[in-house]
Amino acid sequence: MAERVIRQIIDDLDHTEIVEGQGERIEIGFRGVAYQLDLSKANVAKLEKALAPYIEAATTAAADGDSPRPAKKTPRSRTANKRTRRRPAKAQLSDIRAWAIENGYSVSSRGRIPADVVAAFETAHAE
């Protein structure tokens, strides 16, 4: 006995048949729920156009639940990166605290040293 199995992919939006190679399965997430859509190339383009402004403004979520990563460099993220300074070495923290106290800055004996104090220390000790 012979058997023929025909698999048809149907566009989830307009319910038309998707010819092989003329569509795509799209996975999207919204409010913690993952969705899958089988869409024709035309409907994929419509979805991309509709989501473009939101994707442009968004960051990608880390798969392991850690902090999000920028989707791509934008003027906002470049500005933030310019303000980001490297952390002082642990051995240097006591030197920074001592210098800060001698120069009238208020710093605690433990914990994070304010960025402006670290910047002032680095400026004062720049070669």
Foldseek 3Di string as FASTA:
>chain_A
DDDDDDDWDAFPPPRHTADPPQWDWDWDDDPHDIDITIHGPVVVVVVCVVCVVVLQPDFAADPVRPHTHRPDDDPVVVVVVVPDDDDDDPVCVVVLVVVCVVVPHDDDPDDDDDPVSVVVVCVVPPD
